[in-house]
Amino acid sequence: MVKPIATAYSLISELSITRNHKVKQKRKEMKKLLMICGLLFSVVTFAQAQDGGRKMATPEERAQKNAEQLTKKLNLSEDQKAKVAAIFLDQAAAMKKAREENKGADREAMMAKMKAVNDENDVKINALLNEDQKKAFAEWKKERAENMKKRMEGRGPQGGGGQ
C-alpha cells in the first residue's frame, strides 16, 4: 500500500514541477513581450521628439505671418501690408537660396549672408513706414530678437557647424 501513495506523491510533485516550469516559462515570455513593447514605445517617442512635432512653414506662409504680425503691430494700410508681404516673400526666397547654396559648407558665411538679407529688408520696410511706425518696427524687431535668443538658449549646444 505504501507504493501507490508514494507513486501518487511523486506524480503530484512532478505535476507541480511541470506546472511551476510552465508558469515560469509564461512569465519569461510576458517579460520579453513587455520589454519589446517598452522598447518600441521608447523608439516611437524618441523619433517624435527629434522632429519637434512641428512642420516647417513654407516661405509664403512665413511671409504672410510676418506681414500679419507687422500689420497688427504697426497699423499698416492695405497698400503697406501688400508691399511688406512682398518684401518678406523675397526675403524668404533669398534665405532658402542661401541655405541651399551653403549646405554642408561654411555656416558663418551663410549666417553673414542671411544677416545682410535681413538688414536689406529692414531698410526696404523702413522706407514704407511713417515715423511712428518706424519706432514700433524697431521695437518689434527688438522683441523678435529677444524671443529668438530665449529659444536658442533653450536648445542647448548644437552639434556640427564648427562650434
N, C-alpha and C. Protein backbone atom coordinates (compact mmCIF):
# COMPACT_ATOMS: atom_id res chain seq x y z
N MET A 1 0.80 -1.19 0.00
CA MET A 1 0.00 0.00 0.00
C MET A 1 0.85 1.27 0.00
N VAL A 2 2.02 1.15 0.45
CA VAL A 2 2.90 2.31 0.51
C VAL A 2 3.28 2.74 -0.90
N LYS A 3 3.41 1.80 -1.80
CA LYS A 3 3.83 2.15 -3.15
C LYS A 3 2.84 3.06 -3.86
N PRO A 4 1.54 2.79 -3.82
CA PRO A 4 0.63 3.68 -4.54
C PRO A 4 0.66 5.10 -3.97
N ILE A 5 0.79 5.26 -2.67
CA ILE A 5 0.83 6.59 -2.07
C ILE A 5 2.11 7.30 -2.50
N ALA A 6 3.23 6.58 -2.46
CA ALA A 6 4.49 7.16 -2.89
C ALA A 6 4.43 7.54 -4.36
N THR A 7 3.79 6.68 -5.16
CA THR A 7 3.64 6.97 -6.57
C THR A 7 2.75 8.21 -6.76
N ALA A 8 1.69 8.30 -5.97
CA ALA A 8 0.80 9.45 -6.06
C ALA A 8 1.55 10.73 -5.69
N TYR A 9 2.34 10.66 -4.63
CA TYR A 9 3.13 11.84 -4.22
C TYR A 9 4.14 12.24 -5.30
N SER A 10 4.77 11.24 -5.90
CA SER A 10 5.75 11.55 -6.93
C SER A 10 5.06 12.15 -8.17
N LEU A 11 3.87 11.63 -8.51
CA LEU A 11 3.13 12.21 -9.64
C LEU A 11 2.71 13.65 -9.35
N ILE A 12 2.24 13.87 -8.13
CA ILE A 12 1.82 15.22 -7.73
C ILE A 12 3.01 16.17 -7.78
N SER A 13 4.14 15.72 -7.25
CA SER A 13 5.31 16.59 -7.26
C SER A 13 5.78 16.86 -8.69
N GLU A 14 5.70 15.86 -9.57
CA GLU A 14 6.06 16.06 -10.97
C GLU A 14 5.10 17.05 -11.64
N LEU A 15 3.81 16.90 -11.34
CA LEU A 15 2.82 17.83 -11.90
C LEU A 15 3.08 19.25 -11.42
N SER A 16 3.38 19.40 -10.14
CA SER A 16 3.62 20.75 -9.62
C SER A 16 4.91 21.32 -10.20
N ILE A 17 5.91 20.48 -10.39
CA ILE A 17 7.17 20.94 -11.01
C ILE A 17 6.89 21.36 -12.45
N THR A 18 6.12 20.54 -13.17
CA THR A 18 5.79 20.86 -14.55
C THR A 18 4.97 22.14 -14.61
N ARG A 19 3.99 22.28 -13.70
CA ARG A 19 3.15 23.46 -13.68
C ARG A 19 4.01 24.69 -13.34
N ASN A 20 4.88 24.54 -12.35
CA ASN A 20 5.77 25.66 -11.98
C ASN A 20 6.67 26.05 -13.16
N HIS A 21 7.15 25.02 -13.85
CA HIS A 21 8.00 25.29 -15.01
C HIS A 21 7.22 26.05 -16.09
N LYS A 22 5.98 25.65 -16.35
CA LYS A 22 5.16 26.32 -17.35
C LYS A 22 4.84 27.75 -16.92
N VAL A 23 4.57 27.96 -15.64
CA VAL A 23 4.29 29.30 -15.13
C VAL A 23 5.53 30.18 -15.29
N LYS A 24 6.69 29.63 -14.93
CA LYS A 24 7.93 30.38 -15.08
C LYS A 24 8.19 30.72 -16.54
N GLN A 25 7.91 29.77 -17.42
CA GLN A 25 8.13 29.99 -18.85
C GLN A 25 7.18 31.08 -19.37
N LYS A 26 5.93 31.07 -18.93
CA LYS A 26 4.98 32.09 -19.34
C LYS A 26 5.40 33.46 -18.82
N ARG A 27 5.91 33.50 -17.60
CA ARG A 27 6.38 34.76 -17.03
C ARG A 27 7.53 35.32 -17.86
N LYS A 28 8.45 34.42 -18.27
CA LYS A 28 9.57 34.86 -19.10
C LYS A 28 9.05 35.43 -20.42
N GLU A 29 8.09 34.73 -21.02
CA GLU A 29 7.52 35.22 -22.28
C GLU A 29 6.85 36.57 -22.09
N MET A 30 6.13 36.75 -21.00
CA MET A 30 5.46 38.03 -20.72
C MET A 30 6.49 39.14 -20.50
N LYS A 31 7.58 38.82 -19.80
CA LYS A 31 8.63 39.82 -19.60
C LYS A 31 9.23 40.24 -20.93
N LYS A 32 9.49 39.26 -21.79
CA LYS A 32 10.03 39.57 -23.10
C LYS A 32 9.07 40.47 -23.88
N LEU A 33 7.79 40.11 -23.84
CA LEU A 33 6.79 40.89 -24.55
C LEU A 33 6.72 42.33 -24.00
N LEU A 34 6.75 42.46 -22.70
CA LEU A 34 6.74 43.80 -22.09
C LEU A 34 7.99 44.59 -22.46
N MET A 35 9.12 43.93 -22.47
CA MET A 35 10.37 44.61 -22.86
C MET A 35 10.29 45.10 -24.31
N ILE A 36 9.78 44.26 -25.19
CA ILE A 36 9.65 44.64 -26.60
C ILE A 36 8.70 45.82 -26.75
N CYS A 37 7.55 45.77 -26.04
CA CYS A 37 6.59 46.88 -26.10
C CYS A 37 7.22 48.16 -25.55
N GLY A 38 7.93 48.07 -24.45
CA GLY A 38 8.58 49.24 -23.87
C GLY A 38 9.62 49.81 -24.81
N LEU A 39 10.40 48.96 -25.43
CA LEU A 39 11.42 49.41 -26.38
C LEU A 39 10.77 50.08 -27.59
N LEU A 40 9.73 49.47 -28.11
CA LEU A 40 9.02 50.04 -29.25
C LEU A 40 8.43 51.41 -28.90
N PHE A 41 7.83 51.51 -27.74
CA PHE A 41 7.27 52.79 -27.28
C PHE A 41 8.36 53.85 -27.16
N SER A 42 9.51 53.46 -26.63
CA SER A 42 10.62 54.40 -26.48
C SER A 42 11.12 54.89 -27.83
N VAL A 43 11.24 54.00 -28.78
CA VAL A 43 11.73 54.37 -30.11
C VAL A 43 10.76 55.35 -30.77
N VAL A 44 9.46 55.08 -30.68
CA VAL A 44 8.46 55.96 -31.28
C VAL A 44 8.50 57.34 -30.61
N THR A 45 8.58 57.36 -29.30
CA THR A 45 8.63 58.62 -28.57
C THR A 45 9.88 59.41 -28.93
N PHE A 46 11.00 58.73 -29.01
CA PHE A 46 12.26 59.39 -29.37
C PHE A 46 12.20 59.95 -30.78
N ALA A 47 11.62 59.20 -31.70
CA ALA A 47 11.53 59.65 -33.09
C ALA A 47 10.66 60.90 -33.19
N GLN A 48 9.57 60.95 -32.45
CA GLN A 48 8.71 62.13 -32.47
C GLN A 48 9.39 63.31 -31.83
N ALA A 49 10.19 63.08 -30.81
CA ALA A 49 10.88 64.18 -30.14
C ALA A 49 11.93 64.78 -31.06
N GLN A 50 12.48 64.00 -31.96
CA GLN A 50 13.52 64.50 -32.86
C GLN A 50 12.99 65.55 -33.83
N ASP A 51 11.76 65.34 -34.34
CA ASP A 51 11.25 66.32 -35.29
C ASP A 51 10.51 67.45 -34.61
N GLY A 52 10.39 67.41 -33.31
CA GLY A 52 9.77 68.50 -32.58
C GLY A 52 8.27 68.57 -32.74
N GLY A 53 7.71 67.69 -33.51
CA GLY A 53 6.28 67.68 -33.68
C GLY A 53 5.74 68.84 -34.50
N ARG A 54 6.59 69.61 -35.12
CA ARG A 54 6.10 70.73 -35.92
C ARG A 54 6.73 70.70 -37.30
N LYS A 55 5.98 71.23 -38.22
CA LYS A 55 6.39 71.22 -39.61
C LYS A 55 6.89 72.61 -39.98
N MET A 56 7.90 72.66 -40.82
CA MET A 56 8.45 73.94 -41.27
C MET A 56 7.44 74.59 -42.21
N ALA A 57 7.15 75.87 -41.95
CA ALA A 57 6.21 76.60 -42.80
C ALA A 57 6.86 76.92 -44.14
N THR A 58 6.03 77.04 -45.16
CA THR A 58 6.54 77.40 -46.49
C THR A 58 6.96 78.87 -46.47
N PRO A 59 7.78 79.29 -47.42
CA PRO A 59 8.17 80.70 -47.47
C PRO A 59 6.96 81.63 -47.57
N GLU A 60 5.96 81.21 -48.32
CA GLU A 60 4.75 82.03 -48.47
C GLU A 60 4.03 82.17 -47.14
N GLU A 61 3.92 81.07 -46.39
CA GLU A 61 3.26 81.11 -45.07
C GLU A 61 4.04 81.99 -44.10
N ARG A 62 5.36 81.88 -44.10
CA ARG A 62 6.17 82.72 -43.20
C ARG A 62 6.03 84.19 -43.57
N ALA A 63 6.06 84.50 -44.87
CA ALA A 63 5.93 85.88 -45.32
C ALA A 63 4.57 86.44 -44.91
N GLN A 64 3.53 85.65 -45.09
CA GLN A 64 2.18 86.09 -44.73
C GLN A 64 2.07 86.30 -43.22
N LYS A 65 2.63 85.39 -42.44
CA LYS A 65 2.57 85.50 -40.98
C LYS A 65 3.30 86.77 -40.51
N ASN A 66 4.49 87.01 -41.06
CA ASN A 66 5.24 88.21 -40.67
C ASN A 66 4.49 89.48 -41.08
N ALA A 67 3.88 89.47 -42.26
CA ALA A 67 3.13 90.64 -42.72
C ALA A 67 1.92 90.88 -41.80
N GLU A 68 1.26 89.81 -41.38
CA GLU A 68 0.11 89.94 -40.47
C GLU A 68 0.56 90.51 -39.12
N GLN A 69 1.67 89.99 -38.61
CA GLN A 69 2.19 90.49 -37.33
C GLN A 69 2.51 91.98 -37.42
N LEU A 70 3.16 92.37 -38.48
CA LEU A 70 3.51 93.79 -38.64
C LEU A 70 2.27 94.65 -38.82
N THR A 71 1.28 94.14 -39.54
CA THR A 71 0.04 94.89 -39.74
C THR A 71 -0.62 95.18 -38.39
N LYS A 72 -0.67 94.16 -37.54
CA LYS A 72 -1.26 94.35 -36.20
C LYS A 72 -0.43 95.31 -35.36
N LYS A 73 0.85 95.13 -35.39
CA LYS A 73 1.74 95.91 -34.52
C LYS A 73 1.86 97.37 -34.98
N LEU A 74 1.87 97.59 -36.30
CA LEU A 74 2.16 98.93 -36.83
C LEU A 74 0.95 99.62 -37.45
N ASN A 75 -0.21 98.95 -37.45
CA ASN A 75 -1.41 99.51 -38.09
C ASN A 75 -1.13 99.90 -39.54
N LEU A 76 -0.64 98.94 -40.31
CA LEU A 76 -0.30 99.21 -41.71
C LEU A 76 -1.56 99.36 -42.55
N SER A 77 -1.46 100.16 -43.58
CA SER A 77 -2.55 100.28 -44.56
C SER A 77 -2.51 99.03 -45.45
N GLU A 78 -3.56 98.85 -46.25
CA GLU A 78 -3.59 97.69 -47.16
C GLU A 78 -2.44 97.75 -48.15
N ASP A 79 -2.14 98.93 -48.64
CA ASP A 79 -1.04 99.10 -49.60
C ASP A 79 0.30 98.72 -48.93
N GLN A 80 0.51 99.23 -47.71
CA GLN A 80 1.75 98.91 -46.98
C GLN A 80 1.83 97.41 -46.71
N LYS A 81 0.69 96.82 -46.30
CA LYS A 81 0.66 95.38 -45.99
C LYS A 81 1.07 94.56 -47.21
N ALA A 82 0.55 94.91 -48.38
CA ALA A 82 0.88 94.17 -49.61
C ALA A 82 2.36 94.30 -49.93
N LYS A 83 2.90 95.51 -49.79
CA LYS A 83 4.32 95.73 -50.09
C LYS A 83 5.21 94.98 -49.09
N VAL A 84 4.83 95.01 -47.81
CA VAL A 84 5.61 94.31 -46.77
C VAL A 84 5.56 92.80 -47.02
N ALA A 85 4.40 92.28 -47.38
CA ALA A 85 4.28 90.84 -47.67
C ALA A 85 5.20 90.46 -48.84
N ALA A 86 5.26 91.32 -49.85
CA ALA A 86 6.15 91.04 -50.99
C ALA A 86 7.62 91.06 -50.55
N ILE A 87 7.97 92.01 -49.69
CA ILE A 87 9.35 92.08 -49.18
C ILE A 87 9.69 90.82 -48.40
N PHE A 88 8.77 90.39 -47.52
CA PHE A 88 9.02 89.18 -46.73
C PHE A 88 9.09 87.93 -47.61
N LEU A 89 8.31 87.90 -48.68
CA LEU A 89 8.36 86.76 -49.59
C LEU A 89 9.71 86.71 -50.30
N ASP A 90 10.19 87.87 -50.75
CA ASP A 90 11.53 87.93 -51.36
C ASP A 90 12.60 87.50 -50.36
N GLN A 91 12.44 87.93 -49.11
CA GLN A 91 13.39 87.57 -48.07
C GLN A 91 13.40 86.06 -47.85
N ALA A 92 12.21 85.46 -47.77
CA ALA A 92 12.13 84.01 -47.55
C ALA A 92 12.80 83.25 -48.70
N ALA A 93 12.59 83.72 -49.92
CA ALA A 93 13.23 83.06 -51.07
C ALA A 93 14.75 83.22 -51.02
N ALA A 94 15.22 84.40 -50.62
CA ALA A 94 16.67 84.63 -50.52
C ALA A 94 17.28 83.77 -49.42
N MET A 95 16.56 83.62 -48.31
CA MET A 95 17.05 82.78 -47.20
C MET A 95 17.13 81.32 -47.64
N LYS A 96 16.10 80.87 -48.34
CA LYS A 96 16.10 79.48 -48.82
C LYS A 96 17.27 79.24 -49.76
N LYS A 97 17.50 80.20 -50.66
CA LYS A 97 18.61 80.09 -51.60
C LYS A 97 19.95 80.05 -50.85
N ALA A 98 20.10 80.90 -49.83
CA ALA A 98 21.34 80.93 -49.04
C ALA A 98 21.57 79.59 -48.34
N ARG A 99 20.49 79.01 -47.80
CA ARG A 99 20.63 77.71 -47.13
C ARG A 99 21.06 76.63 -48.11
N GLU A 100 20.44 76.62 -49.30
CA GLU A 100 20.76 75.60 -50.29
C GLU A 100 22.19 75.75 -50.82
N GLU A 101 22.64 76.99 -51.01
CA GLU A 101 23.99 77.21 -51.51
C GLU A 101 25.05 76.80 -50.50
N ASN A 102 24.74 76.91 -49.22
CA ASN A 102 25.73 76.64 -48.18
C ASN A 102 25.50 75.33 -47.45
N LYS A 103 24.76 74.41 -48.05
CA LYS A 103 24.53 73.12 -47.40
C LYS A 103 25.85 72.43 -47.15
N GLY A 104 26.12 72.16 -45.89
CA GLY A 104 27.35 71.46 -45.53
C GLY A 104 28.59 72.32 -45.64
N ALA A 105 28.44 73.57 -46.00
CA ALA A 105 29.60 74.44 -46.17
C ALA A 105 29.76 75.33 -44.93
N ASP A 106 30.36 76.47 -45.12
CA ASP A 106 30.68 77.38 -44.03
C ASP A 106 29.42 78.01 -43.44
N ARG A 107 29.11 77.66 -42.21
CA ARG A 107 27.93 78.17 -41.52
C ARG A 107 28.05 79.68 -41.26
N GLU A 108 29.24 80.13 -40.95
CA GLU A 108 29.46 81.56 -40.67
C GLU A 108 29.15 82.40 -41.91
N ALA A 109 29.56 81.93 -43.08
CA ALA A 109 29.29 82.66 -44.32
C ALA A 109 27.79 82.72 -44.59
N MET A 110 27.11 81.61 -44.35
CA MET A 110 25.67 81.58 -44.55
C MET A 110 24.97 82.56 -43.60
N MET A 111 25.38 82.56 -42.34
CA MET A 111 24.78 83.47 -41.36
C MET A 111 25.04 84.93 -41.75
N ALA A 112 26.22 85.23 -42.24
CA ALA A 112 26.54 86.60 -42.67
C ALA A 112 25.65 87.01 -43.84
N LYS A 113 25.46 86.08 -44.79
CA LYS A 113 24.62 86.39 -45.94
C LYS A 113 23.17 86.61 -45.50
N MET A 114 22.69 85.80 -44.59
CA MET A 114 21.31 85.95 -44.10
C MET A 114 21.14 87.26 -43.34
N LYS A 115 22.15 87.64 -42.57
CA LYS A 115 22.08 88.91 -41.85
C LYS A 115 22.03 90.07 -42.84
N ALA A 116 22.80 89.98 -43.91
CA ALA A 116 22.79 91.03 -44.93
C ALA A 116 21.41 91.13 -45.58
N VAL A 117 20.78 89.98 -45.86
CA VAL A 117 19.43 89.97 -46.44
C VAL A 117 18.44 90.61 -45.47
N ASN A 118 18.55 90.25 -44.18
CA ASN A 118 17.67 90.84 -43.16
C ASN A 118 17.84 92.35 -43.09
N ASP A 119 19.08 92.80 -43.07
CA ASP A 119 19.34 94.24 -42.98
C ASP A 119 18.79 94.97 -44.20
N GLU A 120 18.96 94.37 -45.37
CA GLU A 120 18.45 94.97 -46.60
C GLU A 120 16.92 95.09 -46.56
N ASN A 121 16.27 94.04 -46.06
CA ASN A 121 14.81 94.07 -45.97
C ASN A 121 14.33 95.08 -44.94
N ASP A 122 15.06 95.22 -43.85
CA ASP A 122 14.69 96.22 -42.84
C ASP A 122 14.72 97.62 -43.45
N VAL A 123 15.71 97.89 -44.29
CA VAL A 123 15.81 99.20 -44.96
C VAL A 123 14.60 99.39 -45.88
N LYS A 124 14.25 98.34 -46.65
CA LYS A 124 13.10 98.43 -47.55
C LYS A 124 11.80 98.69 -46.78
N ILE A 125 11.63 97.99 -45.67
CA ILE A 125 10.40 98.15 -44.88
C ILE A 125 10.37 99.54 -44.25
N ASN A 126 11.50 99.97 -43.71
CA ASN A 126 11.55 101.31 -43.10
C ASN A 126 11.18 102.39 -44.11
N ALA A 127 11.51 102.20 -45.37
CA ALA A 127 11.20 103.19 -46.41
C ALA A 127 9.68 103.33 -46.61
N LEU A 128 8.93 102.29 -46.27
CA LEU A 128 7.48 102.32 -46.43
C LEU A 128 6.74 102.96 -45.25
N LEU A 129 7.42 103.11 -44.11
CA LEU A 129 6.75 103.48 -42.86
C LEU A 129 6.85 104.97 -42.55
N ASN A 130 5.85 105.45 -41.76
CA ASN A 130 5.95 106.81 -41.23
C ASN A 130 6.76 106.76 -39.93
N GLU A 131 6.97 107.90 -39.29
CA GLU A 131 7.86 107.97 -38.12
C GLU A 131 7.37 107.10 -36.95
N ASP A 132 6.07 107.14 -36.65
CA ASP A 132 5.54 106.33 -35.54
C ASP A 132 5.68 104.84 -35.84
N GLN A 133 5.42 104.49 -37.08
CA GLN A 133 5.55 103.08 -37.47
C GLN A 133 7.00 102.63 -37.43
N LYS A 134 7.93 103.52 -37.75
CA LYS A 134 9.36 103.17 -37.69
C LYS A 134 9.77 102.84 -36.26
N LYS A 135 9.28 103.63 -35.30
CA LYS A 135 9.59 103.36 -33.89
C LYS A 135 9.01 102.01 -33.46
N ALA A 136 7.77 101.77 -33.84
CA ALA A 136 7.12 100.50 -33.49
C ALA A 136 7.82 99.32 -34.18
N PHE A 137 8.30 99.55 -35.40
CA PHE A 137 9.01 98.50 -36.14
C PHE A 137 10.32 98.16 -35.42
N ALA A 138 11.03 99.17 -34.97
CA ALA A 138 12.29 98.93 -34.23
C ALA A 138 12.00 98.15 -32.95
N GLU A 139 10.91 98.47 -32.28
CA GLU A 139 10.53 97.75 -31.06
C GLU A 139 10.16 96.31 -31.39
N TRP A 140 9.43 96.10 -32.48
CA TRP A 140 9.03 94.75 -32.89
C TRP A 140 10.26 93.91 -33.19
N LYS A 141 11.24 94.48 -33.89
CA LYS A 141 12.48 93.75 -34.20
C LYS A 141 13.22 93.38 -32.91
N LYS A 142 13.22 94.30 -31.96
CA LYS A 142 13.90 94.04 -30.68
C LYS A 142 13.21 92.88 -29.94
N GLU A 143 11.89 92.88 -29.92
CA GLU A 143 11.13 91.80 -29.28
C GLU A 143 11.44 90.46 -29.96
N ARG A 144 11.45 90.46 -31.28
CA ARG A 144 11.75 89.23 -32.02
C ARG A 144 13.15 88.73 -31.71
N ALA A 145 14.11 89.64 -31.62
CA ALA A 145 15.49 89.24 -31.33
C ALA A 145 15.57 88.63 -29.93
N GLU A 146 14.86 89.21 -28.96
CA GLU A 146 14.86 88.67 -27.60
C GLU A 146 14.21 87.29 -27.57
N ASN A 147 13.09 87.15 -28.27
CA ASN A 147 12.42 85.85 -28.32
C ASN A 147 13.31 84.79 -28.98
N MET A 148 14.01 85.16 -30.02
CA MET A 148 14.92 84.23 -30.70
C MET A 148 16.04 83.81 -29.76
N LYS A 149 16.56 84.78 -29.03
CA LYS A 149 17.65 84.48 -28.09
C LYS A 149 17.18 83.51 -27.02
N LYS A 150 15.96 83.70 -26.51
CA LYS A 150 15.41 82.79 -25.50
C LYS A 150 15.25 81.39 -26.06
N ARG A 151 14.74 81.30 -27.30
CA ARG A 151 14.57 79.98 -27.91
C ARG A 151 15.91 79.30 -28.12
N MET A 152 16.91 80.04 -28.54
CA MET A 152 18.22 79.46 -28.80
C MET A 152 18.88 79.00 -27.51
N GLU A 153 18.67 79.73 -26.41
CA GLU A 153 19.24 79.32 -25.11
C GLU A 153 18.62 78.02 -24.66
N GLY A 154 17.34 77.82 -24.93
CA GLY A 154 16.64 76.61 -24.53
C GLY A 154 17.08 75.38 -25.30
N ARG A 155 17.69 75.57 -26.46
CA ARG A 155 18.10 74.44 -27.31
C ARG A 155 19.38 73.80 -26.85
N GLY A 156 20.22 74.54 -26.16
CA GLY A 156 21.50 73.98 -25.72
C GLY A 156 22.52 74.00 -26.83
N PRO A 157 23.68 73.41 -26.59
CA PRO A 157 24.74 73.43 -27.60
C PRO A 157 24.34 72.61 -28.81
N GLN A 158 24.69 73.11 -29.98
CA GLN A 158 24.36 72.43 -31.23
C GLN A 158 25.59 71.70 -31.75
N GLY A 159 25.35 70.52 -32.32
CA GLY A 159 26.44 69.76 -32.90
C GLY A 159 26.77 70.26 -34.28
N GLY A 160 27.94 69.93 -34.77
CA GLY A 160 28.36 70.32 -36.12
C GLY A 160 28.58 71.81 -36.21
N GLY A 161 28.57 72.35 -37.39
CA GLY A 161 28.67 73.78 -37.60
C GLY A 161 29.98 74.40 -37.15
N GLY A 162 30.96 73.62 -36.76
CA GLY A 162 32.27 74.12 -36.38
C GLY A 162 32.32 74.82 -35.05
N GLN A 163 31.32 74.58 -34.20
CA GLN A 163 31.33 75.26 -32.89
C GLN A 163 31.92 74.38 -31.83
